[in-house]
C-alpha atoms as a PDB file:
ATOM      1  CA  MET A   1     -47.525  98.410-102.101  1.00  0.00           C
ATOM      2  CA  PRO A   2     -51.283  98.519-102.848  1.00  0.00           C
ATOM      3  CA  HIS A   3     -52.719  96.789-105.867  1.00  0.00           C
ATOM      4  CA  VAL A   4     -52.923  99.067-108.902  1.00  0.00           C
ATOM      5  CA  PRO A   5     -56.310  98.546-110.640  1.00  0.00           C
ATOM      6  CA  GLU A   6     -56.328  98.525-114.425  1.00  0.00           C
ATOM      7  CA  VAL A   7     -58.792 100.383-116.578  1.00  0.00           C
ATOM      8  CA  ALA A   8     -60.746  97.140-117.235  1.00  0.00           C
ATOM      9  CA  GLU A   9     -61.194  96.610-113.479  1.00  0.00           C
ATOM     10  CA  VAL A  10     -62.598 100.104-113.110  1.00  0.00           C
ATOM     11  CA  VAL A  11     -65.096  99.425-115.920  1.00  0.00           C
ATOM     12  CA  VAL A  12     -66.256  96.188-114.235  1.00  0.00           C
ATOM     13  CA  LEU A  13     -66.682  97.970-110.894  1.00  0.00           C
ATOM     14  CA  TYR A  14     -68.780 100.658-112.551  1.00  0.00           C
ATOM     15  CA  ALA A  15     -70.965  98.032-114.258  1.00  0.00           C
ATOM     16  CA  LEU A  16     -71.602  96.266-110.937  1.00  0.00           C
ATOM     17  CA  LEU A  17     -72.231  99.576-109.201  1.00  0.00           C
ATOM     18  CA  THR A  18     -74.791 100.583-111.840  1.00  0.00           C
ATOM     19  CA  ALA A  19     -76.572  97.216-111.665  1.00  0.00           C
ATOM     20  CA  ALA A  20     -76.761  97.266-107.853  1.00  0.00           C
ATOM     21  CA  GLY A  21     -78.040 100.844-107.875  1.00  0.00           C
ATOM     22  CA  ALA A  22     -80.755  99.966-110.386  1.00  0.00           C
ATOM     23  CA  VAL A  23     -81.878  96.960-108.299  1.00  0.00           C
ATOM     24  CA  ALA A  24     -82.025  99.107-105.148  1.00  0.00           C
ATOM     25  CA  VAL A  25     -84.201 101.724-106.853  1.00  0.00           C
ATOM     26  CA  LEU A  26     -86.564  99.178-108.419  1.00  0.00           C
ATOM     27  CA  LEU A  27     -87.070  97.287-105.148  1.00  0.00           C
ATOM     28  CA  ALA A  28     -87.650 100.522-103.232  1.00  0.00           C
ATOM     29  CA  ARG A  29     -90.317 101.618-105.734  1.00  0.00           C
ATOM     30  CA  SER A  30     -91.945  98.191-105.614  1.00  0.00           C
ATOM     31  CA  ALA A  31     -92.036  98.228-101.800  1.00  0.00           C
ATOM     32  CA  LEU A  32     -93.574 101.688-101.786  1.00  0.00           C
ATOM     33  CA  ARG A  33     -96.214 100.724-104.361  1.00  0.00           C
ATOM     34  CA  HIS A  34     -97.092  97.566-102.411  1.00  0.00           C
ATOM     35  CA  TRP A  35     -97.457  99.596 -99.220  1.00  0.00           C
ATOM     36  CA  TRP A  36     -99.830 102.060-100.906  1.00  0.00           C
ATOM     37  CA  GLU A  37    -101.919  99.207-102.266  1.00  0.00           C
ATOM     38  CA  GLN A  38    -102.228  97.745 -98.776  1.00  0.00           C
ATOM     39  CA  ARG A  39    -103.352 101.131 -97.367  1.00  0.00           C
ATOM     40  CA  ALA A  40    -105.934 101.526-100.111  1.00  0.00           C
ATOM     41  CA  GLY A  41    -107.367  98.089 -99.277  1.00  0.00           C
ATOM     42  CA  ARG A  42    -108.151  99.085 -95.687  1.00  0.00           C
ATOM     43  CA  VAL A  43    -111.147 101.112 -96.888  1.00  0.00           C
ATOM     44  CA  TYR A  44    -112.724  97.899 -98.170  1.00  0.00           C
ATOM     45  CA  GLU A  45    -111.666  95.951 -95.048  1.00  0.00           C
ATOM     46  CA  LEU A  46    -109.284  93.771 -97.070  1.00  0.00           C
ATOM     47  CA  PRO A  47    -106.682  91.789 -95.092  1.00  0.00           C
ATOM     48  CA  VAL A  48    -103.314  93.568 -94.744  1.00  0.00           C
ATOM     49  CA  LYS A  49    -100.231  91.473 -95.624  1.00  0.00           C
ATOM     50  CA  ARG A  50     -96.994  93.284 -94.904  1.00  0.00           C
ATOM     51  CA  VAL A  51     -94.635  90.430 -95.797  1.00  0.00           C
ATOM     52  CA  GLY A  52     -94.267  91.542 -99.441  1.00  0.00           C
ATOM     53  CA  THR A  53     -93.513  95.124 -98.421  1.00  0.00           C
ATOM     54  CA  LEU A  54     -90.948  94.027 -95.850  1.00  0.00           C
ATOM     55  CA  LEU A  55     -89.194  91.670 -98.281  1.00  0.00           C
ATOM     56  CA  ARG A  56     -89.008  94.331-100.968  1.00  0.00           C
ATOM     57  CA  GLY A  57     -87.723  96.914 -98.473  1.00  0.00           C
ATOM     58  CA  ALA A  58     -85.089  94.534 -97.136  1.00  0.00           C
ATOM     59  CA  GLY A  59     -83.955  93.713-100.679  1.00  0.00           C
ATOM     60  CA  SER A  60     -83.667  97.406-101.492  1.00  0.00           C
ATOM     61  CA  ALA A  61     -81.588  98.044 -98.345  1.00  0.00           C
ATOM     62  CA  LEU A  62     -79.305  95.105 -99.172  1.00  0.00           C
ATOM     63  CA  ALA A  63     -78.748  96.399-102.710  1.00  0.00           C
ATOM     64  CA  ALA A  64     -77.982  99.852-101.296  1.00  0.00           C
ATOM     65  CA  CYS A  65     -75.324  98.305 -99.018  1.00  0.00           C
ATOM     66  CA  VAL A  66     -73.776  96.611-102.060  1.00  0.00           C
ATOM     67  CA  VAL A  67     -73.672 100.004-103.807  1.00  0.00           C
ATOM     68  CA  ILE A  68     -71.848 101.530-100.819  1.00  0.00           C
ATOM     69  CA  LEU A  69     -69.316  98.685-100.696  1.00  0.00           C
ATOM     70  CA  LEU A  70     -68.606  98.914-104.422  1.00  0.00           C
ATOM     71  CA  ALA A  71     -68.252 102.689-104.221  1.00  0.00           C
ATOM     72  CA  ASP A  72     -65.640 102.273-101.468  1.00  0.00           C
ATOM     73  CA  HIS A  73     -63.586 100.031-103.767  1.00  0.00           C
ATOM     74  CA  LEU A  74     -63.581 102.469-106.672  1.00  0.00           C
ATOM     75  CA  PRO A  75     -60.199 104.144-107.158  1.00  0.00           C
ATOM     76  CA  PRO A  76     -60.373 107.850-106.310  1.00  0.00           C
ATOM     77  CA  GLY A  77     -60.617 110.234-109.210  1.00  0.00           C
ATOM     78  CA  THR A  78     -62.469 107.850-111.570  1.00  0.00           C
ATOM     79  CA  GLY A  79     -65.884 109.387-111.207  1.00  0.00           C
ATOM     80  CA  ALA A  80     -67.009 112.343-113.244  1.00  0.00           C
ATOM     81  CA  PRO A  81     -64.090 114.053-114.975  1.00  0.00           C
ATOM     82  CA  PRO A  82     -62.568 116.548-112.574  1.00  0.00           C
ATOM     83  CA  SER A  83     -62.836 120.226-113.296  1.00  0.00           C
ATOM     84  CA  SER A  84     -59.084 120.421-112.798  1.00  0.00           C
ATOM     85  CA  PRO A  85     -56.829 117.355-112.511  1.00  0.00           C
ATOM     86  CA  PRO A  86     -54.880 116.971-109.265  1.00  0.00           C
ATOM     87  CA  HIS A  87     -51.650 118.922-109.082  1.00  0.00           C
ATOM     88  CA  SER A  88     -49.274 116.763-107.067  1.00  0.00           C
ATOM     89  CA  VAL A  89     -50.982 114.429-104.674  1.00  0.00           C
ATOM     90  CA  THR A  90     -47.791 112.647-103.651  1.00  0.00           C
ATOM     91  CA  ALA A  91     -45.594 115.725-103.362  1.00  0.00           C
ATOM     92  CA  ALA A  92     -45.339 117.802-100.208  1.00  0.00           C
ATOM     93  CA  GLY A  93     -47.066 121.146-100.629  1.00  0.00           C
ATOM     94  CA  SER A  94     -48.443 122.782-103.753  1.00  0.00           C
ATOM     95  CA  PRO A  95     -46.416 123.765-106.807  1.00  0.00           C
ATOM     96  CA  PRO A  96     -45.480 127.460-106.970  1.00  0.00           C
ATOM     97  CA  PRO A  97     -47.756 129.729-109.013  1.00  0.00           C
ATOM     98  CA  ARG A  98     -46.745 130.288-112.617  1.00  0.00           C
ATOM     99  CA  THR A  99     -45.539 133.654-113.763  1.00  0.00           C
ATOM    100  CA  SER A 100     -46.622 133.104-117.384  1.00  0.00           C
ATOM    101  CA  SER A 101     -49.272 131.088-119.156  1.00  0.00           C
ATOM    102  CA  PRO A 102     -48.488 128.580-121.896  1.00  0.00           C
ATOM    103  CA  PRO A 103     -49.328 129.649-125.449  1.00  0.00           C
ATOM    104  CA  PRO A 104     -52.787 128.688-126.721  1.00  0.00           C
ATOM    105  CA  VAL A 105     -53.138 125.579-128.861  1.00  0.00           C
ATOM    106  CA  PRO A 106     -54.994 126.022-132.197  1.00  0.00           C
ATOM    107  CA  SER A 107     -58.331 124.247-132.406  1.00  0.00           C
ATOM    108  CA  ASP A 108     -57.556 123.195-135.982  1.00  0.00           C
ATOM    109  CA  PRO A 109     -53.886 122.362-136.729  1.00  0.00           C
ATOM    110  CA  ALA A 110     -54.419 123.079-140.433  1.00  0.00           C
ATOM    111  CA  ASP A 111     -55.309 126.697-139.607  1.00  0.00           C
ATOM    112  CA  ALA A 112     -51.861 127.111-138.022  1.00  0.00           C
ATOM    113  CA  GLY A 113     -50.072 125.528-140.975  1.00  0.00           C
ATOM    114  CA  LEU A 114     -49.494 122.229-139.128  1.00  0.00           C
ATOM    115  CA  VAL A 115     -50.077 118.714-140.413  1.00  0.00           C
ATOM    116  CA  PRO A 116     -52.791 117.135-138.238  1.00  0.00           C
ATOM    117  CA  PRO A 117     -51.515 114.113-136.292  1.00  0.00           C
ATOM    118  CA  ARG A 118     -52.758 110.644-137.197  1.00  0.00           C
ATOM    119  CA  THR A 119     -54.499 108.633-134.472  1.00  0.00           C
ATOM    120  CA  LEU A 120     -53.073 105.116-134.148  1.00  0.00           C
ATOM    121  CA  GLY A 121     -55.154 103.742-131.302  1.00  0.00           C
ATOM    122  CA  HIS A 122     -56.292 104.136-127.717  1.00  0.00           C
ATOM    123  CA  PRO A 123     -53.955 102.148-125.441  1.00  0.00           C
ATOM    124  CA  ALA A 124     -54.830 102.192-121.719  1.00  0.00           C
ATOM    125  CA  GLY A 125     -57.830 104.443-122.389  1.00  0.00           C
ATOM    126  CA  GLY A 126     -55.663 107.266-123.765  1.00  0.00           C
ATOM    127  CA  THR A 127     -54.964 108.326-127.349  1.00  0.00           C
ATOM    128  CA  LEU A 128     -51.804 107.439-129.290  1.00  0.00           C
ATOM    129  CA  GLN A 129     -51.055 109.716-132.238  1.00  0.00           C
ATOM    130  CA  GLN A 130     -48.227 110.061-134.746  1.00  0.00           C
ATOM    131  CA  LEU A 131     -46.813 113.332-136.062  1.00  0.00           C
ATOM    132  CA  SER A 132     -45.644 113.900-139.608  1.00  0.00           C
ATOM    133  CA  ASP A 133     -41.989 113.341-138.605  1.00  0.00           C
ATOM    134  CA  GLY A 134     -42.762 109.955-137.029  1.00  0.00           C
ATOM    135  CA  THR A 135     -42.806 111.139-133.409  1.00  0.00           C
ATOM    136  CA  ARG A 136     -45.557 109.480-131.404  1.00  0.00           C
ATOM    137  CA  VAL A 137     -47.512 111.184-128.640  1.00  0.00           C
ATOM    138  CA  TRP A 138     -49.675 109.460-126.027  1.00  0.00           C
ATOM    139  CA  LEU A 139     -52.404 111.555-124.406  1.00  0.00           C
ATOM    140  CA  PRO A 140     -53.715 110.334-121.031  1.00  0.00           C
ATOM    141  CA  PRO A 141     -57.451 109.592-120.612  1.00  0.00           C
ATOM    142  CA  GLN A 142     -57.891 112.860-118.678  1.00  0.00           C
ATOM    143  CA  TYR A 143     -56.705 114.906-121.656  1.00  0.00           C
ATOM    144  CA  ASP A 144     -60.071 114.510-123.404  1.00  0.00           C
ATOM    145  CA  TYR A 145     -62.292 115.049-120.372  1.00  0.00           C
ATOM    146  CA  PRO A 146     -64.811 117.825-121.173  1.00  0.00           C
ATOM    147  CA  ASP A 147     -63.751 119.795-118.091  1.00  0.00           C
ATOM    148  CA  SER A 148     -60.069 119.506-119.044  1.00  0.00           C
ATOM    149  CA  ALA A 149     -60.405 121.506-122.259  1.00  0.00           C
ATOM    150  CA  GLY A 150     -58.285 124.352-120.881  1.00  0.00           C
ATOM    151  CA  VAL A 151     -55.843 122.266-118.821  1.00  0.00           C
ATOM    152  CA  TYR A 152     -52.150 121.965-119.767  1.00  0.00           C
ATOM    153  CA  PHE A 153     -50.261 118.797-118.807  1.00  0.00           C
ATOM    154  CA  PRO A 154     -46.680 117.970-117.790  1.00  0.00           C
ATOM    155  CA  LEU A 155     -44.530 116.110-120.284  1.00  0.00           C
ATOM    156  CA  VAL A 156     -42.459 112.916-120.180  1.00  0.00           C
ATOM    157  CA  VAL A 157     -40.103 112.281-123.113  1.00  0.00           C
ATOM    158  CA  ALA A 158     -39.835 108.498-123.263  1.00  0.00           C
ATOM    159  CA  HIS A 159     -37.280 106.566-125.287  1.00  0.00           C
ATOM    160  CA  ILE A 160     -39.115 103.241-125.373  1.00  0.00           C
ATOM    161  CA  ASP A 161     -40.706 100.921-127.896  1.00  0.00           C
ATOM    162  CA  PRO A 162     -44.162 102.466-128.658  1.00  0.00           C
ATOM    163  CA  ALA A 163     -45.614  98.953-128.739  1.00  0.00           C
ATOM    164  CA  ASP A 164     -44.616  98.364-125.096  1.00  0.00           C
ATOM    165  CA  PRO A 165     -47.951  97.833-123.274  1.00  0.00           C
ATOM    166  CA  ASP A 166     -46.715  98.495-119.745  1.00  0.00           C
ATOM    167  CA  LEU A 167     -45.727 102.177-119.839  1.00  0.00           C
ATOM    168  CA  PHE A 168     -49.132 103.561-120.836  1.00  0.00           C
ATOM    169  CA  ALA A 169     -51.037 101.086-118.647  1.00  0.00           C
ATOM    170  CA  GLY A 170     -48.937 101.897-115.585  1.00  0.00           C
ATOM    171  CA  PHE A 171     -49.235 105.657-116.082  1.00  0.00           C
ATOM    172  CA  ALA A 172     -53.007 105.508-116.754  1.00  0.00           C
ATOM    173  CA  ALA A 173     -53.817 103.241-113.809  1.00  0.00           C
ATOM    174  CA  GLN A 174     -51.892 105.395-111.349  1.00  0.00           C
ATOM    175  CA  SER A 175     -53.482 108.642-112.543  1.00  0.00           C
ATOM    176  CA  LEU A 176     -56.993 107.142-112.490  1.00  0.00           C
ATOM    177  CA  ARG A 177     -56.396 106.140-108.870  1.00  0.00           C
ATOM    178  CA  GLY A 178     -55.597 109.764-108.117  1.00  0.00           C
ATOM    179  CA  VAL A 179     -52.109 109.043-106.757  1.00  0.00           C
ATOM    180  CA  ALA A 180     -50.204 110.367-109.783  1.00  0.00           C
ATOM    181  CA  ASP A 181     -50.657 113.216-112.230  1.00  0.00           C
ATOM    182  CA  PRO A 182     -51.663 112.484-115.825  1.00  0.00           C
ATOM    183  CA  PHE A 183     -48.739 113.016-118.210  1.00  0.00           C
ATOM    184  CA  VAL A 184     -48.477 113.570-121.931  1.00  0.00           C
ATOM    185  CA  VAL A 185     -45.845 111.104-123.160  1.00  0.00           C
ATOM    186  CA  VAL A 186     -43.735 111.977-126.217  1.00  0.00           C
ATOM    187  CA  LEU A 187     -41.932 109.108-127.947  1.00  0.00           C
ATOM    188  CA  PRO A 188     -39.272 110.550-130.283  1.00  0.00           C
ATOM    189  CA  ALA A 189     -36.662 108.696-132.328  1.00  0.00           C
ATOM    190  CA  ARG A 190     -34.331 106.406-130.423  1.00  0.00           C
ATOM    191  CA  CYS A 191     -31.689 108.034-128.290  1.00  0.00           C
ATOM    192  CA  ASP A 192     -28.268 108.536-129.874  1.00  0.00           C
ATOM    193  CA  PRO A 193     -25.574 107.712-127.265  1.00  0.00           C
ATOM    194  CA  ASP A 194     -23.216 110.295-128.780  1.00  0.00           C
ATOM    195  CA  ALA A 195     -25.673 113.116-129.471  1.00  0.00           C
ATOM    196  CA  GLY A 196     -27.898 112.590-126.439  1.00  0.00           C
ATOM    197  CA  PRO A 197     -31.693 112.396-126.404  1.00  0.00           C
ATOM    198  CA  ALA A 198     -33.541 113.784-129.398  1.00  0.00           C
ATOM    199  CA  PRO A 199     -35.117 117.198-128.696  1.00  0.00           C
ATOM    200  CA  VAL A 200     -38.863 117.513-128.299  1.00  0.00           C
ATOM    201  CA  PRO A 201     -40.292 118.472-131.718  1.00  0.00           C
ATOM    202  CA  ALA A 202     -41.591 122.035-131.803  1.00  0.00           C
ATOM    203  CA  ALA A 203     -44.875 120.732-133.202  1.00  0.00           C
ATOM    204  CA  VAL A 204     -45.644 119.043-129.865  1.00  0.00           C
ATOM    205  CA  SER A 205     -46.119 122.321-128.000  1.00  0.00           C
ATOM    206  CA  ARG A 206     -48.078 123.746-130.942  1.00  0.00           C
ATOM    207  CA  LEU A 207     -50.439 120.777-131.277  1.00  0.00           C
ATOM    208  CA  TYR A 208     -50.981 119.732-127.659  1.00  0.00           C
ATOM    209  CA  ARG A 209     -51.681 121.357-124.317  1.00  0.00           C
ATOM    210  CA  VAL A 210     -48.317 120.700-122.680  1.00  0.00           C
ATOM    211  CA  LEU A 211     -46.592 122.824-120.070  1.00  0.00           C
ATOM    212  CA  PRO A 212     -43.448 124.572-121.311  1.00  0.00           C
ATOM    213  CA  GLY A 213     -40.059 124.617-119.675  1.00  0.00           C
ATOM    214  CA  ARG A 214     -37.902 122.472-117.437  1.00  0.00           C
ATOM    215  CA  PRO A 215     -40.172 122.361-114.313  1.00  0.00           C
ATOM    216  CA  ALA A 216     -42.775 120.269-116.174  1.00  0.00           C
ATOM    217  CA  ARG A 217     -40.525 117.884-118.151  1.00  0.00           C
ATOM    218  CA  ALA A 218     -38.743 114.598-117.464  1.00  0.00           C
ATOM    219  CA  LEU A 219     -36.705 112.130-119.518  1.00  0.00           C
ATOM    220  CA  LEU A 220     -37.270 108.377-119.514  1.00  0.00           C
ATOM    221  CA  GLY A 221     -35.122 105.720-121.146  1.00  0.00           C
ATOM    222  CA  VAL A 222     -35.571 101.946-121.162  1.00  0.00           C
ATOM    223  CA  ASP A 223     -32.970  99.211-121.727  1.00  0.00           C
ATOM    224  CA  GLU A 224     -30.141 100.544-123.923  1.00  0.00           C
ATOM    225  CA  ASP A 225     -31.682 104.041-123.949  1.00  0.00           C
ATOM    226  CA  ALA A 226     -31.545 104.284-120.135  1.00  0.00           C
ATOM    227  CA  ALA A 227     -27.814 105.108-120.088  1.00  0.00           C
ATOM    228  CA  CYS A 228     -28.359 107.702-122.825  1.00  0.00           C
ATOM    229  CA  VAL A 229     -30.890 109.763-120.858  1.00  0.00           C
ATOM    230  CA  VAL A 230     -28.925 109.420-117.610  1.00  0.00           C
ATOM    231  CA  ARG A 231     -25.757 110.628-119.325  1.00  0.00           C
ATOM    232  CA  GLN A 232     -27.632 113.620-120.739  1.00  0.00           C
ATOM    233  CA  GLN A 233     -29.051 114.581-117.340  1.00  0.00           C
ATOM    234  CA  LEU A 234     -25.640 114.405-115.678  1.00  0.00           C
ATOM    235  CA  ALA A 235     -24.024 116.417-118.470  1.00  0.00           C
ATOM    236  CA  ASP A 236     -26.665 119.158-118.603  1.00  0.00           C
ATOM    237  CA  PRO A 237     -29.651 119.090-116.225  1.00  0.00           C
ATOM    238  CA  ARG A 238     -31.077 122.400-117.459  1.00  0.00           C
ATOM    239  CA  GLY A 239     -33.534 120.899-119.942  1.00  0.00           C
ATOM    240  CA  PHE A 240     -35.339 118.375-117.727  1.00  0.00           C
ATOM    241  CA  VAL A 241     -36.090 118.088-114.019  1.00  0.00           C
ATOM    242  CA  SER A 242     -35.100 114.428-113.889  1.00  0.00           C
ATOM    243  CA  ALA A 243     -33.974 111.459-115.954  1.00  0.00           C
ATOM    244  CA  ILE A 244     -35.471 108.017-115.321  1.00  0.00           C
ATOM    245  CA  GLY A 245     -33.523 104.954-116.403  1.00  0.00           C
ATOM    246  CA  VAL A 246     -35.265 101.564-116.500  1.00  0.00           C
ATOM    247  CA  SER A 247     -33.315  98.284-116.876  1.00  0.00           C
ATOM    248  CA  GLY A 248     -30.169 100.165-117.873  1.00  0.00           C
ATOM    249  CA  GLY A 249     -26.468  99.397-117.906  1.00  0.00           C
ATOM    250  CA  TYR A 250     -24.377 102.374-116.780  1.00  0.00           C
ATOM    251  CA  ALA A 251     -20.825 101.031-116.810  1.00  0.00           C
ATOM    252  CA  GLY A 252     -19.681 103.635-119.359  1.00  0.00           C
ATOM    253  CA  ILE A 253     -20.889 106.649-117.378  1.00  0.00           C
ATOM    254  CA  ASP A 254     -18.372 108.473-115.200  1.00  0.00           C
ATOM    255  CA  ARG A 255     -17.159 112.023-114.619  1.00  0.00           C
ATOM    256  CA  SER A 256     -14.436 111.814-117.260  1.00  0.00           C
ATOM    257  CA  GLY A 257     -16.747 112.206-120.259  1.00  0.00           C
ATOM    258  CA  PRO A 258     -17.528 115.449-122.101  1.00  0.00           C
ATOM    259  CA  GLN A 259     -19.415 118.214-120.297  1.00  0.00           C
ATOM    260  CA  PRO A 260     -19.198 116.722-116.802  1.00  0.00           C
ATOM    261  CA  TYR A 261     -21.570 118.090-114.222  1.00  0.00           C
ATOM    262  CA  PRO A 262     -19.712 120.868-112.338  1.00  0.00           C
ATOM    263  CA  PRO A 263     -18.961 119.744-108.774  1.00  0.00           C
ATOM    264  CA  ASP A 264     -19.615 123.218-107.374  1.00  0.00           C
ATOM    265  CA  GLY A 265     -23.010 123.537-109.103  1.00  0.00           C
ATOM    266  CA  ARG A 266     -21.856 126.321-111.472  1.00  0.00           C
ATOM    267  CA  ASP A 267     -21.078 126.332-115.178  1.00  0.00           C
ATOM    268  CA  THR A 268     -17.994 127.814-116.842  1.00  0.00           C
ATOM    269  CA  ARG A 269     -19.557 131.292-116.691  1.00  0.00           C
ATOM    270  CA  GLY A 270     -20.242 131.063-112.986  1.00  0.00           C
ATOM    271  CA  ARG A 271     -24.002 130.597-113.384  1.00  0.00           C
ATOM    272  CA  ASP A 272     -25.894 128.250-111.111  1.00  0.00           C
ATOM    273  CA  VAL A 273     -26.749 124.891-112.679  1.00  0.00           C
ATOM    274  CA  PRO A 274     -29.747 122.891-111.438  1.00  0.00           C
ATOM    275  CA  ARG A 275     -28.956 119.809-109.431  1.00  0.00           C
ATOM    276  CA  PRO A 276     -29.341 116.696-111.617  1.00  0.00           C
ATOM    277  CA  ALA A 277     -31.890 114.160-110.403  1.00  0.00           C
ATOM    278  CA  LEU A 278     -31.965 110.499-111.407  1.00  0.00           C
ATOM    279  CA  LEU A 279     -34.299 107.575-110.819  1.00  0.00           C
ATOM    280  CA  LEU A 280     -32.712 104.211-111.588  1.00  0.00           C
ATOM    281  CA  ALA A 281     -35.498 101.626-111.779  1.00  0.00           C
ATOM    282  CA  VAL A 282     -34.780  97.901-111.957  1.00  0.00           C
ATOM    283  CA  PRO A 283     -37.505  95.270-112.437  1.00  0.00           C
ATOM    284  CA  SER A 284     -37.368  92.101-110.384  1.00  0.00           C
ATOM    285  CA  GLY A 285     -34.846  89.513-111.527  1.00  0.00           C
ATOM    286  CA  GLN A 286     -32.430  91.865-113.342  1.00  0.00           C
ATOM    287  CA  GLU A 287     -29.398  91.422-111.129  1.00  0.00           C
ATOM    288  CA  ALA A 288     -26.867  92.867-113.599  1.00  0.00           C
ATOM    289  CA  ALA A 289     -28.917  96.034-114.029  1.00  0.00           C
ATOM    290  CA  ARG A 290     -29.252  96.372-110.246  1.00  0.00           C
ATOM    291  CA  ARG A 291     -25.485  96.131-109.732  1.00  0.00           C
ATOM    292  CA  SER A 292     -24.892  98.685-112.499  1.00  0.00           C
ATOM    293  CA  ALA A 293     -27.378 101.130-110.947  1.00  0.00           C
ATOM    294  CA  VAL A 294     -25.836 100.785-107.477  1.00  0.00           C
ATOM    295  CA  ALA A 295     -22.344 101.338-108.898  1.00  0.00           C
ATOM    296  CA  LEU A 296     -23.461 104.457-110.786  1.00  0.00           C
ATOM    297  CA  ARG A 297     -25.014 105.902-107.638  1.00  0.00           C
ATOM    298  CA  ALA A 298     -21.705 105.485-105.853  1.00  0.00           C
ATOM    299  CA  ARG A 299     -19.739 107.105-108.699  1.00  0.00           C
ATOM    300  CA  VAL A 300     -21.866 110.258-108.961  1.00  0.00           C
ATOM    301  CA  ARG A 301     -22.424 110.739-105.256  1.00  0.00           C
ATOM    302  CA  ASP A 302     -19.686 113.391-105.068  1.00  0.00           C
ATOM    303  CA  VAL A 303     -21.158 115.604-107.815  1.00  0.00           C
ATOM    304  CA  ALA A 304     -24.239 116.571-105.786  1.00  0.00           C
ATOM    305  CA  ALA A 305     -26.511 114.473-107.996  1.00  0.00           C
ATOM    306  CA  GLU A 306     -29.728 113.230-106.408  1.00  0.00           C
ATOM    307  CA  VAL A 307     -30.030 109.520-107.202  1.00  0.00           C
ATOM    308  CA  ARG A 308     -32.949 107.321-106.185  1.00  0.00           C
ATOM    309  CA  LEU A 309     -32.956 103.557-106.687  1.00  0.00           C
ATOM    310  CA  LEU A 310     -36.155 101.583-107.330  1.00  0.00           C
ATOM    311  CA  ASP A 311     -35.303  97.904-107.180  1.00  0.00           C
ATOM    312  CA  GLY A 312     -37.003  94.508-107.425  1.00  0.00           C
ATOM    313  CA  ILE A 313     -40.439  95.609-108.649  1.00  0.00           C
ATOM    314  CA  ALA A 314     -42.748  93.152-110.400  1.00  0.00           C
ATOM    315  CA  PRO A 315     -44.732  93.067-112.575  1.00  0.00           C
ATOM    316  CA  ARG A 316     -43.187  95.583-114.979  1.00  0.00           C
ATOM    317  CA  ARG A 317     -46.466  97.514-115.270  1.00  0.00           C
ATOM    318  CA  ARG A 318     -46.354  98.188-111.552  1.00  0.00           C
ATOM    319  CA  LEU A 319     -42.842  99.555-111.933  1.00  0.00           C
ATOM    320  CA  PHE A 320     -44.057 102.134-114.462  1.00  0.00           C
ATOM    321  CA  ALA A 321     -46.916 103.010-112.106  1.00  0.00           C
ATOM    322  CA  LEU A 322     -44.327 103.844-109.428  1.00  0.00           C
ATOM    323  CA  VAL A 323     -42.330 105.811-111.999  1.00  0.00           C
ATOM    324  CA  ALA A 324     -45.469 107.917-112.570  1.00  0.00           C
ATOM    325  CA  GLY A 325     -45.597 108.615-108.838  1.00  0.00           C
ATOM    326  CA  TYR A 326     -41.960 109.713-108.839  1.00  0.00           C
ATOM    327  CA  ALA A 327     -42.573 112.044-111.803  1.00  0.00           C
ATOM    328  CA  THR A 328     -45.536 113.510-109.910  1.00  0.00           C
ATOM    329  CA  GLU A 329     -43.245 114.405-107.012  1.00  0.00           C
ATOM    330  CA  LYS A 330     -40.703 116.059-109.284  1.00  0.00           C
ATOM    331  CA  LEU A 331     -42.711 117.899-111.946  1.00  0.00           C
ATOM    332  CA  ASP A 332     -45.245 120.701-111.941  1.00  0.00           C
ATOM    333  CA  GLY A 333     -48.786 119.362-112.020  1.00  0.00           C
ATOM    334  CA  PRO A 334     -51.511 119.989-114.599  1.00  0.00           C
ATOM    335  CA  TYR A 335     -52.330 123.673-114.862  1.00  0.00           C
ATOM    336  CA  ARG A 336     -55.304 125.723-116.025  1.00  0.00           C
ATOM    337  CA  PRO A 337     -54.267 129.241-117.156  1.00  0.00           C
END
């Protein structure tokens, strides 16, 4: 897999690119000025020395080559903010057109009777905020681009420690490279194994530009919360396109629990039920979690569940970058009404 550049690497590349560009311009101007001075001296029969002009011109050309090389190493999509973020660069084809537009988000939450969220920091170049009920929301760097003011983003509900540095960094790096969509990440209360994942607070869709409905939403659970989100997706896949379990243990999940996924793809009223989709991701070195994921895939194979296994990935930040690519394949991309 290719190296995933971090935000700091992108900043360093831009600094070098700017410095090399400035040197190329200054040397080109100096060479041109020296050449004009030499031409002016011919009137007075002064000796012509072209060495200075040639050296300055060669230096300018060399600096221009450095600029080209640095530009080739920049990750795609990190230049000027795009007028519309990419839809689904890793998925085959374009997402289907929407039949309805998401509701507008108020410019001032207080005007809509909402408590403004509190900004906690800016991990991975995004913005981490906290709602009045304690729910945290991470906005990707692209959310605040000037040209993204009218863009609505897909949503990932993540049951993970908000202090975990790898989730946001992996998502941000992959989207800045242009190989994954930017996602708004909602971090609700911890997942209750009996009640299932906590619902997305209604304030999220009223405060942020997030796409509504199942086609633009995924669940993510890490460690002990991984089994919780996987169980919820198998029991009722109508709320989210996919559930992503990371480092989970799934020994307690089988088809004998409450609300099993109907083998024929229909509920008790005969209505079609979406096919559940799972990604079971296991970092390198977690042998017990790998065996549990493989066993779960074998157990649910006969219920028409789509299960993908992502195994042996290191470092952990890279694993979350690949998770972002998977979510890009599954979910609707950013959308401008």
